[in-house]
C-alpha atoms as a PDB file:
ATOM      1  CA  MET A   1       4.395  11.285 -11.030  1.00  0.00           C
ATOM      2  CA  ALA A   2       0.821  10.122 -11.372  1.00  0.00           C
ATOM      3  CA  THR A   3      -1.016   9.150  -8.213  1.00  0.00           C
ATOM      4  CA  LYS A   4      -2.412   5.628  -8.247  1.00  0.00           C
ATOM      5  CA  THR A   5      -5.868   4.831  -6.914  1.00  0.00           C
ATOM      6  CA  THR A   6      -7.466   1.492  -6.124  1.00  0.00           C
ATOM      7  CA  LYS A   7      -9.510   1.566  -9.340  1.00  0.00           C
ATOM      8  CA  GLN A   8      -6.538   2.573 -11.487  1.00  0.00           C
ATOM      9  CA  VAL A   9      -3.928   0.075 -10.385  1.00  0.00           C
ATOM     10  CA  THR A  10      -3.804  -3.056 -12.537  1.00  0.00           C
ATOM     11  CA  GLY A  11      -2.847  -6.075 -10.462  1.00  0.00           C
ATOM     12  CA  ARG A  12       0.361  -7.970 -11.135  1.00  0.00           C
ATOM     13  CA  LEU A  13      -1.646 -11.071 -11.999  1.00  0.00           C
ATOM     14  CA  GLU A  14      -3.612  -9.255 -14.725  1.00  0.00           C
ATOM     15  CA  VAL A  15      -0.437  -7.643 -16.084  1.00  0.00           C
ATOM     16  CA  ALA A  16       1.168 -11.071 -16.324  1.00  0.00           C
ATOM     17  CA  ALA A  17      -1.917 -12.411 -18.130  1.00  0.00           C
ATOM     18  CA  LEU A  18      -1.876  -9.527 -20.635  1.00  0.00           C
ATOM     19  CA  LEU A  19       1.818 -10.098 -21.323  1.00  0.00           C
ATOM     20  CA  THR A  20       1.122 -13.787 -21.911  1.00  0.00           C
ATOM     21  CA  CYS A  21      -1.615 -12.853 -24.414  1.00  0.00           C
ATOM     22  CA  ALA A  22       0.780 -10.521 -26.206  1.00  0.00           C
ATOM     23  CA  GLU A  23       3.429 -13.247 -26.173  1.00  0.00           C
ATOM     24  CA  LEU A  24       1.049 -15.632 -27.939  1.00  0.00           C
ATOM     25  CA  VAL A  25       0.140 -13.013 -30.561  1.00  0.00           C
ATOM     26  CA  LEU A  26       3.663 -11.752 -31.253  1.00  0.00           C
ATOM     27  CA  ARG A  27       5.737 -14.881 -30.780  1.00  0.00           C
ATOM     28  CA  GLY A  28       3.228 -17.725 -31.016  1.00  0.00           C
ATOM     29  CA  PRO A  29       2.924 -20.333 -33.777  1.00  0.00           C
ATOM     30  CA  ALA A  30       0.248 -18.290 -35.628  1.00  0.00           C
ATOM     31  CA  ARG A  31       2.395 -15.131 -35.780  1.00  0.00           C
ATOM     32  CA  ALA A  32       3.490 -15.675 -39.410  1.00  0.00           C
ATOM     33  CA  ARG A  33      -0.049 -16.195 -40.693  1.00  0.00           C
ATOM     34  CA  PHE A  34      -1.314 -13.224 -38.666  1.00  0.00           C
ATOM     35  CA  GLU A  35       1.364 -10.972 -40.194  1.00  0.00           C
ATOM     36  CA  GLN A  36       0.126 -11.882 -43.673  1.00  0.00           C
ATOM     37  CA  THR A  37      -3.262 -10.327 -42.934  1.00  0.00           C
ATOM     38  CA  ASN A  38      -4.003  -6.616 -43.137  1.00  0.00           C
ATOM     39  CA  ALA A  39      -4.781  -6.616 -39.406  1.00  0.00           C
ATOM     40  CA  GLY A  40      -1.408  -8.179 -38.648  1.00  0.00           C
ATOM     41  CA  ARG A  41       0.530  -5.754 -40.800  1.00  0.00           C
ATOM     42  CA  ILE A  42      -1.128  -2.855 -38.976  1.00  0.00           C
ATOM     43  CA  TYR A  43      -1.137  -4.132 -35.411  1.00  0.00           C
ATOM     44  CA  VAL A  44       2.023  -6.222 -35.005  1.00  0.00           C
ATOM     45  CA  PRO A  45       4.224  -3.076 -34.760  1.00  0.00           C
ATOM     46  CA  ILE A  46       1.694  -1.394 -32.445  1.00  0.00           C
ATOM     47  CA  LEU A  47       1.399  -4.427 -30.172  1.00  0.00           C
ATOM     48  CA  THR A  48       5.174  -4.860 -30.132  1.00  0.00           C
ATOM     49  CA  ARG A  49       5.624  -1.288 -28.927  1.00  0.00           C
ATOM     50  CA  HIS A  50       3.026  -1.610 -26.159  1.00  0.00           C
ATOM     51  CA  ASP A  51       4.332  -5.036 -25.148  1.00  0.00           C
ATOM     52  CA  GLN A  52       7.915  -3.812 -24.786  1.00  0.00           C
ATOM     53  CA  ALA A  53       6.847  -0.748 -22.768  1.00  0.00           C
ATOM     54  CA  LEU A  54       4.787  -2.796 -20.314  1.00  0.00           C
ATOM     55  CA  ARG A  55       7.480  -5.459 -19.928  1.00  0.00           C
ATOM     56  CA  ALA A  56      10.080  -2.797 -19.127  1.00  0.00           C
ATOM     57  CA  ALA A  57       7.831  -1.096 -16.566  1.00  0.00           C
ATOM     58  CA  ASN A  58       6.818  -4.408 -14.998  1.00  0.00           C
ATOM     59  CA  ALA A  59      10.443  -5.531 -14.641  1.00  0.00           C
ATOM     60  CA  ALA A  60      11.715  -2.241 -13.191  1.00  0.00           C
ATOM     61  CA  PRO A  61      12.474  -2.623  -9.471  1.00  0.00           C
ATOM     62  CA  ALA A  62      10.662  -0.356  -7.063  1.00  0.00           C
ATOM     63  CA  PRO A  63      12.805   2.516  -5.704  1.00  0.00           C
ATOM     64  CA  ALA A  64      14.749   1.365  -2.673  1.00  0.00           C
ATOM     65  CA  ARG A  65      13.549   2.770   0.619  1.00  0.00           C
ATOM     66  CA  THR A  66      15.270   2.507   3.970  1.00  0.00           C
ATOM     67  CA  ASP A  67      13.544   0.360   6.591  1.00  0.00           C
ATOM     68  CA  TRP A  68      13.620   2.560   9.687  1.00  0.00           C
ATOM     69  CA  ARG A  69      11.590   0.426  12.079  1.00  0.00           C
ATOM     70  CA  GLU A  70      14.364  -1.352  13.961  1.00  0.00           C
ATOM     71  CA  ALA A  71      16.593   1.722  14.301  1.00  0.00           C
ATOM     72  CA  MET A  72      13.673   3.908  15.375  1.00  0.00           C
ATOM     73  CA  ALA A  73      12.565   1.391  17.997  1.00  0.00           C
ATOM     74  CA  ALA A  74      16.092   1.216  19.438  1.00  0.00           C
ATOM     75  CA  GLN A  75      16.390   4.999  19.689  1.00  0.00           C
ATOM     76  CA  ASP A  76      12.907   5.288  21.194  1.00  0.00           C
ATOM     77  CA  ALA A  77      13.782   2.713  23.858  1.00  0.00           C
ATOM     78  CA  LEU A  78      16.987   4.557  24.765  1.00  0.00           C
ATOM     79  CA  GLY A  79      15.183   7.905  24.850  1.00  0.00           C
ATOM     80  CA  ALA A  80      12.543   6.520  27.198  1.00  0.00           C
ATOM     81  CA  ARG A  81      15.269   5.072  29.435  1.00  0.00           C
ATOM     82  CA  VAL A  82      17.016   8.451  29.685  1.00  0.00           C
ATOM     83  CA  TRP A  83      13.839  10.460  30.285  1.00  0.00           C
ATOM     84  CA  VAL A  84      12.355   8.084  32.881  1.00  0.00           C
ATOM     85  CA  GLY A  85      15.701   7.832  34.694  1.00  0.00           C
ATOM     86  CA  LEU A  86      16.024  11.611  34.939  1.00  0.00           C
ATOM     87  CA  LYS A  87      12.389  12.021  36.050  1.00  0.00           C
ATOM     88  CA  THR A  88      12.883   9.366  38.727  1.00  0.00           C
ATOM     89  CA  ILE A  89      15.860  11.267  40.189  1.00  0.00           C
ATOM     90  CA  GLU A  90      13.952  14.547  39.936  1.00  0.00           C
ATOM     91  CA  ASP A  91      11.068  13.114  41.994  1.00  0.00           C
ATOM     92  CA  SER A  92      13.217  11.141  44.441  1.00  0.00           C
ATOM     93  CA  ALA A  93      13.449  12.112  48.104  1.00  0.00           C
ATOM     94  CA  ALA A  94      16.622  10.030  48.500  1.00  0.00           C
ATOM     95  CA  VAL A  95      18.838  12.623  46.810  1.00  0.00           C
ATOM     96  CA  THR A  96      19.645  16.214  47.629  1.00  0.00           C
ATOM     97  CA  ALA A  97      17.695  19.171  46.307  1.00  0.00           C
ATOM     98  CA  GLU A  98      20.743  20.156  44.268  1.00  0.00           C
ATOM     99  CA  VAL A  99      20.745  16.764  42.474  1.00  0.00           C
ATOM    100  CA  ARG A 100      16.993  16.950  41.888  1.00  0.00           C
ATOM    101  CA  THR A 101      17.396  20.410  40.349  1.00  0.00           C
ATOM    102  CA  ALA A 102      20.245  19.164  38.169  1.00  0.00           C
ATOM    103  CA  ALA A 103      18.130  16.230  36.970  1.00  0.00           C
ATOM    104  CA  GLY A 104      15.309  18.625  36.082  1.00  0.00           C
ATOM    105  CA  LYS A 105      17.627  20.847  34.053  1.00  0.00           C
ATOM    106  CA  VAL A 106      19.065  17.929  32.116  1.00  0.00           C
ATOM    107  CA  ARG A 107      15.621  16.433  31.496  1.00  0.00           C
ATOM    108  CA  HIS A 108      14.272  19.722  30.132  1.00  0.00           C
ATOM    109  CA  ALA A 109      17.344  20.085  27.931  1.00  0.00           C
ATOM    110  CA  PHE A 110      16.844  16.542  26.658  1.00  0.00           C
ATOM    111  CA  SER A 111      13.041  16.622  26.328  1.00  0.00           C
ATOM    112  CA  PRO A 112      10.583  18.478  28.572  1.00  0.00           C
ATOM    113  CA  LYS A 113       7.973  15.829  27.835  1.00  0.00           C
ATOM    114  CA  LYS A 114       8.430  12.118  27.318  1.00  0.00           C
ATOM    115  CA  PRO A 115       9.885  11.640  23.801  1.00  0.00           C
ATOM    116  CA  ARG A 116       7.353  10.755  21.126  1.00  0.00           C
ATOM    117  CA  ARG A 117       7.781   8.765  17.939  1.00  0.00           C
ATOM    118  CA  THR A 118       8.825  11.096  15.118  1.00  0.00           C
ATOM    119  CA  SER A 119       9.997  10.879  11.521  1.00  0.00           C
ATOM    120  CA  PRO A 120      13.636  10.109  10.619  1.00  0.00           C
ATOM    121  CA  ALA A 121      14.175  13.654   9.341  1.00  0.00           C
ATOM    122  CA  THR A 122      12.866  15.108  12.621  1.00  0.00           C
ATOM    123  CA  ARG A 123      15.171  12.794  14.593  1.00  0.00           C
ATOM    124  CA  VAL A 124      18.174  14.219  12.765  1.00  0.00           C
ATOM    125  CA  GLN A 125      17.127  17.756  13.700  1.00  0.00           C
ATOM    126  CA  ARG A 126      16.371  16.850  17.313  1.00  0.00           C
ATOM    127  CA  ALA A 127      19.713  15.089  17.744  1.00  0.00           C
ATOM    128  CA  SER A 128      21.558  18.251  16.692  1.00  0.00           C
ATOM    129  CA  ALA A 129      19.414  20.450  18.937  1.00  0.00           C
ATOM    130  CA  VAL A 130      19.814  18.193  21.992  1.00  0.00           C
ATOM    131  CA  ARG A 131      23.592  18.115  21.557  1.00  0.00           C
ATOM    132  CA  ASP A 132      23.660  21.916  21.578  1.00  0.00           C
ATOM    133  CA  ARG A 133      21.449  22.119  24.676  1.00  0.00           C
ATOM    134  CA  MET A 134      23.509  19.521  26.541  1.00  0.00           C
ATOM    135  CA  ARG A 135      26.522  21.811  26.339  1.00  0.00           C
ATOM    136  CA  THR A 136      24.583  24.384  28.348  1.00  0.00           C
ATOM    137  CA  VAL A 137      23.851  21.907  31.185  1.00  0.00           C
ATOM    138  CA  ALA A 138      27.263  20.252  31.406  1.00  0.00           C
ATOM    139  CA  ASP A 139      27.593  21.227  35.097  1.00  0.00           C
ATOM    140  CA  ALA A 140      24.200  19.684  35.905  1.00  0.00           C
ATOM    141  CA  LEU A 141      25.155  16.488  34.070  1.00  0.00           C
ATOM    142  CA  ALA A 142      28.290  16.188  36.207  1.00  0.00           C
ATOM    143  CA  ARG A 143      26.194  16.269  39.419  1.00  0.00           C
ATOM    144  CA  LEU A 144      23.960  13.349  38.442  1.00  0.00           C
ATOM    145  CA  PRO A 145      24.434   9.794  39.699  1.00  0.00           C
ATOM    146  CA  VAL A 146      24.852   7.038  37.158  1.00  0.00           C
ATOM    147  CA  ALA A 147      21.776   5.811  35.333  1.00  0.00           C
ATOM    148  CA  PRO A 148      20.272   2.367  35.927  1.00  0.00           C
ATOM    149  CA  GLY A 149      22.646  -0.044  34.264  1.00  0.00           C
ATOM    150  CA  GLY A 150      25.780   1.752  35.477  1.00  0.00           C
ATOM    151  CA  GLU A 151      26.309   4.251  32.633  1.00  0.00           C
ATOM    152  CA  ALA A 152      26.463   8.017  33.001  1.00  0.00           C
ATOM    153  CA  PHE A 153      23.510  10.005  31.699  1.00  0.00           C
ATOM    154  CA  GLY A 154      25.848  12.042  29.527  1.00  0.00           C
ATOM    155  CA  VAL A 155      27.004   8.868  27.769  1.00  0.00           C
ATOM    156  CA  LEU A 156      23.429   7.715  27.198  1.00  0.00           C
ATOM    157  CA  VAL A 157      22.326  11.074  25.823  1.00  0.00           C
ATOM    158  CA  GLU A 158      25.309  11.219  23.464  1.00  0.00           C
ATOM    159  CA  ARG A 159      24.498   7.714  22.229  1.00  0.00           C
ATOM    160  CA  TRP A 160      20.882   8.784  21.643  1.00  0.00           C
ATOM    161  CA  CYS A 161      22.097  11.799  19.652  1.00  0.00           C
ATOM    162  CA  ALA A 162      24.418   9.646  17.580  1.00  0.00           C
ATOM    163  CA  MET A 163      21.536   7.290  16.766  1.00  0.00           C
ATOM    164  CA  GLY A 164      19.438  10.264  15.653  1.00  0.00           C
ATOM    165  CA  ALA A 165      22.230  11.725  13.522  1.00  0.00           C
ATOM    166  CA  ALA A 166      22.701   8.331  11.832  1.00  0.00           C
ATOM    167  CA  PHE A 167      19.311   8.745  10.153  1.00  0.00           C
ATOM    168  CA  ARG A 168      20.760  11.560   8.025  1.00  0.00           C
ATOM    169  CA  GLU A 169      22.371   9.269   5.438  1.00  0.00           C
ATOM    170  CA  GLY A 170      19.193   7.256   4.960  1.00  0.00           C
ATOM    171  CA  VAL A 171      17.020  10.374   4.703  1.00  0.00           C
ATOM    172  CA  VAL A 172      19.288  11.845   2.027  1.00  0.00           C
ATOM    173  CA  GLY A 173      19.423   8.527   0.190  1.00  0.00           C
ATOM    174  CA  ASP A 174      15.637   8.244   0.149  1.00  0.00           C
ATOM    175  CA  ARG A 175      15.291  11.776  -1.183  1.00  0.00           C
ATOM    176  CA  VAL A 176      17.776  11.057  -3.971  1.00  0.00           C
ATOM    177  CA  ALA A 177      16.012   7.800  -4.882  1.00  0.00           C
ATOM    178  CA  ARG A 178      12.619   9.508  -4.894  1.00  0.00           C
ATOM    179  CA  ALA A 179      13.886  12.355  -7.076  1.00  0.00           C
ATOM    180  CA  ALA A 180      15.481   9.915  -9.522  1.00  0.00           C
ATOM    181  CA  ASP A 181      12.270   7.899  -9.726  1.00  0.00           C
ATOM    182  CA  GLU A 182      10.177  10.991 -10.409  1.00  0.00           C
ATOM    183  CA  ALA A 183      12.648  12.246 -13.035  1.00  0.00           C
ATOM    184  CA  ARG A 184      12.674   9.059 -15.095  1.00  0.00           C
ATOM    185  CA  PRO A 185      11.606   9.807 -18.676  1.00  0.00           C
ATOM    186  CA  THR A 186       9.571   6.572 -18.879  1.00  0.00           C
ATOM    187  CA  SER A 187       7.452   7.337 -15.851  1.00  0.00           C
ATOM    188  CA  THR A 188       4.134   6.182 -17.344  1.00  0.00           C
ATOM    189  CA  PRO A 189       2.473   4.096 -14.597  1.00  0.00           C
ATOM    190  CA  PRO A 190       2.167   0.357 -15.343  1.00  0.00           C
ATOM    191  CA  TYR A 191      -1.638   0.475 -15.069  1.00  0.00           C
ATOM    192  CA  VAL A 192      -1.730   2.962 -17.986  1.00  0.00           C
ATOM    193  CA  LEU A 193       0.578   0.787 -20.091  1.00  0.00           C
ATOM    194  CA  ALA A 194      -1.523  -2.281 -19.329  1.00  0.00           C
ATOM    195  CA  HIS A 195      -4.672  -0.413 -20.371  1.00  0.00           C
ATOM    196  CA  GLN A 196      -2.996   0.623 -23.620  1.00  0.00           C
ATOM    197  CA  LEU A 197      -1.886  -2.934 -24.412  1.00  0.00           C
ATOM    198  CA  SER A 198      -5.345  -4.309 -23.629  1.00  0.00           C
ATOM    199  CA  GLY A 199      -6.948  -1.729 -25.906  1.00  0.00           C
ATOM    200  CA  ALA A 200      -4.539  -2.504 -28.746  1.00  0.00           C
ATOM    201  CA  LEU A 201      -5.232  -6.249 -28.412  1.00  0.00           C
ATOM    202  CA  THR A 202      -8.974  -5.585 -28.514  1.00  0.00           C
ATOM    203  CA  ARG A 203      -8.710  -3.421 -31.641  1.00  0.00           C
ATOM    204  CA  ALA A 204      -6.432  -5.934 -33.372  1.00  0.00           C
ATOM    205  CA  ARG A 205      -8.841  -8.781 -32.589  1.00  0.00           C
ATOM    206  CA  THR A 206     -11.828  -6.805 -33.899  1.00  0.00           C
ATOM    207  CA  THR A 207      -9.978  -5.824 -37.073  1.00  0.00           C
ATOM    208  CA  LEU A 208      -8.974  -9.438 -37.748  1.00  0.00           C
ATOM    209  CA  ARG A 209     -12.564 -10.601 -37.147  1.00  0.00           C
ATOM    210  CA  ASP A 210     -13.877  -8.106 -39.697  1.00  0.00           C
ATOM    211  CA  GLU A 211     -11.201  -9.145 -42.199  1.00  0.00           C
ATOM    212  CA  LEU A 212     -12.004 -12.844 -41.769  1.00  0.00           C
ATOM    213  CA  SER A 213     -15.678 -12.185 -42.440  1.00  0.00           C
ATOM    214  CA  SER A 214     -14.886 -10.510 -45.756  1.00  0.00           C
ATOM    215  CA  ASP A 215     -11.999 -12.698 -46.982  1.00  0.00           C
ATOM    216  CA  GLU A 216     -12.909 -16.352 -47.459  1.00  0.00           C
ATOM    217  CA  ALA A 217      -9.300 -17.229 -48.324  1.00  0.00           C
ATOM    218  CA  LEU A 218      -8.294 -16.790 -44.679  1.00  0.00           C
ATOM    219  CA  PRO A 219      -8.854 -19.723 -42.297  1.00  0.00           C
ATOM    220  CA  PRO A 220     -11.763 -18.995 -39.903  1.00  0.00           C
ATOM    221  CA  SER A 221      -9.779 -20.518 -37.031  1.00  0.00           C
ATOM    222  CA  LEU A 222      -7.069 -17.854 -37.252  1.00  0.00           C
ATOM    223  CA  LYS A 223      -8.804 -15.483 -34.824  1.00  0.00           C
ATOM    224  CA  ALA A 224      -9.002 -18.180 -32.148  1.00  0.00           C
ATOM    225  CA  GLU A 225      -5.392 -19.253 -32.750  1.00  0.00           C
ATOM    226  CA  VAL A 226      -4.083 -15.708 -32.354  1.00  0.00           C
ATOM    227  CA  PHE A 227      -6.462 -14.179 -29.824  1.00  0.00           C
ATOM    228  CA  GLY A 228      -8.042 -17.178 -28.087  1.00  0.00           C
ATOM    229  CA  LEU A 229      -6.270 -16.579 -24.779  1.00  0.00           C
ATOM    230  CA  PHE A 230      -7.036 -12.850 -24.843  1.00  0.00           C
ATOM    231  CA  ALA A 231     -10.706 -13.594 -25.580  1.00  0.00           C
ATOM    232  CA  ALA A 232     -10.872 -15.943 -22.596  1.00  0.00           C
ATOM    233  CA  LEU A 233      -9.264 -13.304 -20.347  1.00  0.00           C
ATOM    234  CA  THR A 234     -11.696 -10.662 -21.595  1.00  0.00           C
ATOM    235  CA  GLU A 235     -14.708 -12.876 -20.871  1.00  0.00           C
ATOM    236  CA  GLU A 236     -13.362 -13.670 -17.416  1.00  0.00           C
ATOM    237  CA  ARG A 237     -12.985  -9.964 -16.635  1.00  0.00           C
ATOM    238  CA  ARG A 238     -16.524  -9.254 -17.878  1.00  0.00           C
ATOM    239  CA  ALA A 239     -17.949 -12.068 -15.751  1.00  0.00           C
ATOM    240  CA  LEU A 240     -16.096 -10.782 -12.703  1.00  0.00           C
ATOM    241  CA  ALA A 241     -17.391  -7.248 -13.292  1.00  0.00           C
ATOM    242  CA  ALA A 242     -20.948  -8.598 -13.660  1.00  0.00           C
ATOM    243  CA  ARG A 243     -20.663 -10.522 -10.388  1.00  0.00           C
ATOM    244  CA  LYS A 244     -19.445  -7.384  -8.626  1.00  0.00           C
ATOM    245  CA  ARG A 245     -22.368  -5.364 -10.033  1.00  0.00           C
ATOM    246  CA  ASN A 246     -24.870  -8.008  -8.989  1.00  0.00           C
ATOM    247  CA  GLY A 247     -23.342  -8.185  -5.517  1.00  0.00           C
ATOM    248  CA  ALA A 248     -23.534  -4.415  -5.142  1.00  0.00           C
ATOM    249  CA  SER A 249     -27.169  -4.421  -6.316  1.00  0.00           C
ATOM    250  CA  LYS A 250     -28.110  -7.107  -3.795  1.00  0.00           C
ATOM    251  CA  ALA A 251     -26.305  -5.265  -1.005  1.00  0.00           C
ATOM    252  CA  ALA A 252     -28.168  -2.057  -1.870  1.00  0.00           C
ATOM    253  CA  ALA A 253     -31.519  -3.859  -2.000  1.00  0.00           C
ATOM    254  CA  THR A 254     -31.092  -5.686   1.311  1.00  0.00           C
ATOM    255  CA  PRO A 255     -31.409  -2.624   3.627  1.00  0.00           C
ATOM    256  CA  ALA A 256     -34.527  -1.477   1.751  1.00  0.00           C
ATOM    257  CA  ALA A 257     -36.137  -4.865   2.163  1.00  0.00           C
ATOM    258  CA  ALA A 258     -35.211  -4.932   5.831  1.00  0.00           C
ATOM    259  CA  ALA A 259     -36.682  -1.465   6.366  1.00  0.00           C
ATOM    260  CA  THR A 260     -40.098  -2.469   4.953  1.00  0.00           C
ATOM    261  CA  PRO A 261     -42.199  -3.693   7.880  1.00  0.00           C
ATOM    262  CA  ALA A 262     -43.845  -7.065   7.404  1.00  0.00           C
ATOM    263  CA  PRO A 263     -47.657  -6.985   7.428  1.00  0.00           C
ATOM    264  CA  ALA A 264     -49.076  -7.668  10.845  1.00  0.00           C
ATOM    265  CA  ALA A 265     -50.580 -11.095  11.243  1.00  0.00           C
ATOM    266  CA  GLU A 266     -54.300 -11.190  11.787  1.00  0.00           C
ATOM    267  CA  PRO A 267     -55.280 -12.264  15.297  1.00  0.00           C
ATOM    268  CA  ALA A 268     -56.494 -15.837  15.576  1.00  0.00           C
ATOM    269  CA  PRO A 269     -60.227 -16.208  16.264  1.00  0.00           C
ATOM    270  CA  ALA A 270     -61.076 -16.738  19.919  1.00  0.00           C
ATOM    271  CA  ALA A 271     -61.886 -20.296  20.856  1.00  0.00           C
ATOM    272  CA  GLU A 272     -65.556 -21.021  21.523  1.00  0.00           C
ATOM    273  CA  PRO A 273     -66.383 -21.877  25.164  1.00  0.00           C
ATOM    274  CA  ALA A 274     -66.763 -25.582  25.809  1.00  0.00           C
ATOM    275  CA  ALA A 275     -70.265 -26.844  26.410  1.00  0.00           C
ATOM    276  CA  ALA A 276     -71.060 -27.564  30.071  1.00  0.00           C
ATOM    277  CA  SER A 277     -71.318 -31.260  30.792  1.00  0.00           C
ATOM    278  CA  PRO A 278     -74.564 -32.372  32.436  1.00  0.00           C
ATOM    279  CA  SER A 279     -74.234 -32.782  36.179  1.00  0.00           C
ATOM    280  CA  THR A 280     -74.511 -36.286  37.544  1.00  0.00           C
ATOM    281  CA  PRO A 281     -77.480 -36.623  39.936  1.00  0.00           C
END
């Protein structure tokens, strides 16, 4: 599938405007007269093909993706609760050395370091691995007091593992949706289809203009009736591009002007000393 860049992607608003221009050409009141011209006979089928392709791509829903944020936040909160609770017991002087050792074993089996935010696929793998490791520290789990909130640490860890394993269905579903999207035969990006339709409209308008200049039997107003909206859109896009170029030129010129030191002002001439007033006898 093609990778889209900021310059390549055609905005939804511009796509909608192009489709409206095509609608006026292909289904507007001047369609019949346009089809009677040589330009119409050539370009109506071409424009129809490009119009249908862009409409289909623009109407196609984006591939569904699972929103993981809420489920990930809940599992992260539970993981932090388990890890901090075990570390608190491990560092506590209010319990026996045997309990502290048991808390350390369980914490290392769960996560030697405080759990970090990871991807859904990694959470599935970690859940399976933690379940396997918990079987090796079952005796240590049995020696631990209940966690804050009154639940056993074993119950909390199993719940955390179940939450991690639940990501499996979503991960698989996303992979299937992504593969189906990439395998679609009509995978031409919308920005390419929009560019093709815009080019076809431009060529059709130019061809009709040339035909009107050589055939006096055709009404001169036909070009405006068929392509007036597209002409206005084209001029608007050109004006916008010109404003962007002018803005970039001014931005590039500003640092250069700022870097040029202003000429130093000449010092003002010193004031002449005032004449001494005659002393009064």
